[in-house]
Amino acid sequence: LLPVMADRSSASYHAKWDVVAADCDEAIEEEERRETEASNRALGIDTSAPKSQREASEREKNTELKAARRALDVQEKDKEARTVYVD
């Protein structure tokens, strides 16, 4: 009996290695991202921190506006719930 040979057609062979290469690329990119974050933390670089006083005040104002919008939405829902329609 001859041993059964695996499919060695060029397309399937290369497709298998394409999957392996894609997995390796993803792993390398994830590792590089983690290393970048670690080095930024070690250097005290906070990418989410505001870069200027103006940006800090704009972020604060944005936060206040979002809270006000949520409060307004709640009021509008309450008003709609209290509204009675007569046919």
N, C-alpha and C. Protein backbone atom coordinates (compact mmCIF):
# COMPACT_ATOMS: atom_id res chain seq x y z
N LEU A 1 0.83 -1.18 0.00
CA LEU A 1 0.00 0.00 0.00
C LEU A 1 0.87 1.24 0.00
N LEU A 2 0.43 2.20 -0.79
CA LEU A 2 1.15 3.47 -0.84
C LEU A 2 0.55 4.42 0.19
N PRO A 3 1.37 5.23 0.84
CA PRO A 3 0.83 6.19 1.80
C PRO A 3 0.00 7.24 1.07
N VAL A 4 -1.04 7.69 1.72
CA VAL A 4 -1.91 8.70 1.12
C VAL A 4 -1.21 10.05 1.23
N MET A 5 -1.05 10.69 0.12
CA MET A 5 -0.36 11.98 0.10
C MET A 5 -1.38 13.10 0.30
N ALA A 6 -0.98 14.08 1.02
CA ALA A 6 -1.84 15.24 1.23
C ALA A 6 -1.93 16.03 -0.07
N ASP A 7 -2.99 16.81 -0.15
CA ASP A 7 -3.19 17.63 -1.35
C ASP A 7 -2.03 18.62 -1.46
N ARG A 8 -1.27 18.53 -2.49
CA ARG A 8 -0.11 19.38 -2.67
C ARG A 8 -0.28 20.31 -3.86
N SER A 9 -1.51 20.59 -4.25
CA SER A 9 -1.69 21.51 -5.37
C SER A 9 -1.21 22.88 -4.92
N SER A 10 -0.73 23.61 -5.82
CA SER A 10 -0.12 24.90 -5.52
C SER A 10 -1.09 25.85 -4.84
N ALA A 11 -2.33 25.89 -5.29
CA ALA A 11 -3.30 26.83 -4.73
C ALA A 11 -3.61 26.51 -3.27
N SER A 12 -3.87 25.25 -2.96
CA SER A 12 -4.22 24.90 -1.58
C SER A 12 -3.00 25.04 -0.66
N TYR A 13 -1.84 24.71 -1.17
CA TYR A 13 -0.61 24.83 -0.38
C TYR A 13 -0.36 26.28 -0.01
N HIS A 14 -0.46 27.16 -0.98
CA HIS A 14 -0.22 28.58 -0.72
C HIS A 14 -1.33 29.20 0.10
N ALA A 15 -2.55 28.73 -0.08
CA ALA A 15 -3.66 29.25 0.72
C ALA A 15 -3.44 28.93 2.19
N LYS A 16 -2.94 27.73 2.48
CA LYS A 16 -2.65 27.35 3.87
C LYS A 16 -1.62 28.30 4.48
N TRP A 17 -0.57 28.58 3.72
CA TRP A 17 0.48 29.45 4.25
C TRP A 17 0.04 30.91 4.30
N ASP A 18 -0.89 31.30 3.45
CA ASP A 18 -1.45 32.66 3.53
C ASP A 18 -2.18 32.85 4.86
N VAL A 19 -2.90 31.83 5.30
CA VAL A 19 -3.61 31.91 6.58
C VAL A 19 -2.60 32.01 7.72
N VAL A 20 -1.56 31.20 7.67
CA VAL A 20 -0.53 31.22 8.71
C VAL A 20 0.14 32.60 8.75
N ALA A 21 0.46 33.15 7.59
CA ALA A 21 1.11 34.46 7.52
C ALA A 21 0.19 35.56 8.05
N ALA A 22 -1.09 35.50 7.74
CA ALA A 22 -2.03 36.50 8.23
C ALA A 22 -2.13 36.43 9.75
N ASP A 23 -2.18 35.22 10.30
CA ASP A 23 -2.22 35.07 11.76
C ASP A 23 -0.96 35.65 12.41
N CYS A 24 0.17 35.39 11.80
CA CYS A 24 1.43 35.92 12.34
C CYS A 24 1.44 37.45 12.26
N ASP A 25 0.95 38.02 11.17
CA ASP A 25 0.90 39.47 11.03
C ASP A 25 0.03 40.09 12.12
N GLU A 26 -1.12 39.48 12.38
CA GLU A 26 -2.01 40.00 13.43
C GLU A 26 -1.33 39.94 14.78
N ALA A 27 -0.64 38.85 15.06
CA ALA A 27 0.04 38.70 16.34
C ALA A 27 1.15 39.73 16.50
N ILE A 28 1.89 39.97 15.43
CA ILE A 28 2.97 40.95 15.47
C ILE A 28 2.43 42.35 15.67
N GLU A 29 1.35 42.71 14.96
CA GLU A 29 0.76 44.03 15.11
C GLU A 29 0.23 44.25 16.52
N GLU A 30 -0.39 43.23 17.10
CA GLU A 30 -0.89 43.32 18.48
C GLU A 30 0.26 43.50 19.46
N GLU A 31 1.34 42.75 19.26
CA GLU A 31 2.51 42.87 20.13
C GLU A 31 3.12 44.27 20.02
N GLU A 32 3.22 44.80 18.81
CA GLU A 32 3.77 46.14 18.63
C GLU A 32 2.89 47.20 19.30
N ARG A 33 1.56 47.02 19.21
CA ARG A 33 0.65 47.96 19.85
C ARG A 33 0.84 47.95 21.37
N ARG A 34 0.94 46.73 21.94
CA ARG A 34 1.15 46.62 23.39
C ARG A 34 2.49 47.24 23.80
N GLU A 35 3.53 47.01 23.01
CA GLU A 35 4.85 47.58 23.33
C GLU A 35 4.81 49.10 23.25
N THR A 36 4.10 49.65 22.26
CA THR A 36 3.98 51.10 22.14
C THR A 36 3.26 51.68 23.34
N GLU A 37 2.18 51.04 23.75
CA GLU A 37 1.45 51.52 24.92
C GLU A 37 2.32 51.45 26.18
N ALA A 38 3.06 50.37 26.33
CA ALA A 38 3.93 50.22 27.50
C ALA A 38 5.02 51.29 27.52
N SER A 39 5.61 51.55 26.37
CA SER A 39 6.67 52.56 26.33
C SER A 39 6.11 53.95 26.56
N ASN A 40 4.90 54.22 26.06
CA ASN A 40 4.28 55.52 26.31
C ASN A 40 4.00 55.70 27.80
N ARG A 41 3.51 54.63 28.45
CA ARG A 41 3.27 54.72 29.90
C ARG A 41 4.58 54.94 30.64
N ALA A 42 5.65 54.24 30.23
CA ALA A 42 6.94 54.37 30.90
C ALA A 42 7.50 55.78 30.75
N LEU A 43 7.23 56.40 29.60
CA LEU A 43 7.72 57.76 29.36
C LEU A 43 6.79 58.84 29.90
N GLY A 44 5.64 58.40 30.41
CA GLY A 44 4.68 59.37 30.93
C GLY A 44 3.88 60.06 29.86
N ILE A 45 3.81 59.46 28.69
CA ILE A 45 3.05 60.04 27.59
C ILE A 45 1.64 59.50 27.66
N ASP A 46 0.68 60.38 27.84
CA ASP A 46 -0.73 59.99 27.89
C ASP A 46 -1.38 60.52 26.63
N THR A 47 -1.71 59.63 25.70
CA THR A 47 -2.25 60.08 24.41
C THR A 47 -3.67 60.60 24.54
N SER A 48 -4.35 60.26 25.64
CA SER A 48 -5.71 60.75 25.81
C SER A 48 -5.75 62.08 26.55
N ALA A 49 -4.63 62.53 27.07
CA ALA A 49 -4.58 63.79 27.81
C ALA A 49 -4.69 64.97 26.84
N PRO A 50 -5.36 66.04 27.27
CA PRO A 50 -5.46 67.22 26.40
C PRO A 50 -4.07 67.83 26.17
N LYS A 51 -3.88 68.34 24.97
CA LYS A 51 -2.57 68.89 24.62
C LYS A 51 -2.43 70.38 24.94
N SER A 52 -3.55 71.03 25.24
CA SER A 52 -3.51 72.45 25.56
C SER A 52 -4.63 72.78 26.54
N GLN A 53 -4.57 73.98 27.11
CA GLN A 53 -5.62 74.43 28.02
C GLN A 53 -6.94 74.57 27.27
N ARG A 54 -6.87 75.02 26.03
CA ARG A 54 -8.08 75.19 25.23
C ARG A 54 -8.76 73.84 24.98
N GLU A 55 -7.97 72.83 24.64
CA GLU A 55 -8.53 71.51 24.41
C GLU A 55 -9.15 70.96 25.70
N ALA A 56 -8.52 71.21 26.83
CA ALA A 56 -9.06 70.75 28.11
C ALA A 56 -10.40 71.41 28.40
N SER A 57 -10.49 72.71 28.13
CA SER A 57 -11.76 73.40 28.38
C SER A 57 -12.84 72.93 27.40
N GLU A 58 -12.47 72.66 26.17
CA GLU A 58 -13.44 72.15 25.19
C GLU A 58 -13.95 70.77 25.59
N ARG A 59 -13.07 69.91 26.10
CA ARG A 59 -13.50 68.59 26.55
C ARG A 59 -14.45 68.71 27.74
N GLU A 60 -14.13 69.61 28.66
CA GLU A 60 -15.00 69.82 29.82
C GLU A 60 -16.37 70.32 29.39
N LYS A 61 -16.37 71.28 28.44
CA LYS A 61 -17.63 71.81 27.94
C LYS A 61 -18.43 70.71 27.22
N ASN A 62 -17.75 69.88 26.47
CA ASN A 62 -18.40 68.76 25.78
C ASN A 62 -19.07 67.82 26.77
N THR A 63 -18.36 67.51 27.85
CA THR A 63 -18.91 66.63 28.88
C THR A 63 -20.16 67.24 29.50
N GLU A 64 -20.11 68.54 29.78
CA GLU A 64 -21.27 69.23 30.35
C GLU A 64 -22.44 69.25 29.37
N LEU A 65 -22.15 69.46 28.09
CA LEU A 65 -23.21 69.46 27.08
C LEU A 65 -23.87 68.09 26.94
N LYS A 66 -23.07 67.04 27.02
CA LYS A 66 -23.63 65.68 26.94
C LYS A 66 -24.54 65.41 28.13
N ALA A 67 -24.12 65.84 29.32
CA ALA A 67 -24.96 65.65 30.51
C ALA A 67 -26.25 66.44 30.38
N ALA A 68 -26.17 67.66 29.87
CA ALA A 68 -27.37 68.48 29.69
C ALA A 68 -28.29 67.84 28.66
N ARG A 69 -27.74 67.28 27.61
CA ARG A 69 -28.54 66.64 26.58
C ARG A 69 -29.27 65.41 27.15
N ARG A 70 -28.56 64.63 27.97
CA ARG A 70 -29.20 63.47 28.59
C ARG A 70 -30.36 63.91 29.48
N ALA A 71 -30.15 64.98 30.26
CA ALA A 71 -31.20 65.49 31.14
C ALA A 71 -32.39 65.98 30.31
N LEU A 72 -32.13 66.64 29.20
CA LEU A 72 -33.20 67.12 28.32
C LEU A 72 -33.97 65.96 27.72
N ASP A 73 -33.27 64.92 27.32
CA ASP A 73 -33.93 63.74 26.77
C ASP A 73 -34.86 63.10 27.80
N VAL A 74 -34.41 63.04 29.05
CA VAL A 74 -35.25 62.47 30.12
C VAL A 74 -36.50 63.33 30.31
N GLN A 75 -36.32 64.65 30.30
CA GLN A 75 -37.47 65.55 30.45
C GLN A 75 -38.45 65.37 29.30
N GLU A 76 -37.95 65.25 28.08
CA GLU A 76 -38.82 65.08 26.92
C GLU A 76 -39.58 63.75 26.99
N LYS A 77 -38.93 62.69 27.46
CA LYS A 77 -39.61 61.41 27.62
C LYS A 77 -40.71 61.51 28.66
N ASP A 78 -40.41 62.19 29.77
CA ASP A 78 -41.42 62.37 30.82
C ASP A 78 -42.60 63.18 30.29
N LYS A 79 -42.31 64.22 29.55
CA LYS A 79 -43.37 65.06 28.99
C LYS A 79 -44.22 64.25 28.03
N GLU A 80 -43.60 63.46 27.20
CA GLU A 80 -44.33 62.62 26.24
C GLU A 80 -45.18 61.59 26.97
N ALA A 81 -44.65 61.05 28.06
CA ALA A 81 -45.41 60.05 28.83
C ALA A 81 -46.63 60.68 29.49
N ARG A 82 -46.52 61.95 29.89
CA ARG A 82 -47.64 62.63 30.55
C ARG A 82 -48.67 63.19 29.58
N THR A 83 -48.34 63.22 28.29
CA THR A 83 -49.23 63.78 27.30
C THR A 83 -50.38 62.80 27.01
N VAL A 84 -51.58 63.35 26.97
CA VAL A 84 -52.75 62.53 26.70
C VAL A 84 -53.35 63.02 25.39
N TYR A 85 -53.58 62.10 24.49
CA TYR A 85 -54.18 62.45 23.19
C TYR A 85 -55.64 62.03 23.20
N VAL A 86 -56.48 62.96 22.80
CA VAL A 86 -57.91 62.70 22.76
C VAL A 86 -58.34 62.63 21.30
N ASP A 87 -59.05 61.58 20.95
CA ASP A 87 -59.54 61.45 19.58
C ASP A 87 -60.86 62.13 19.41
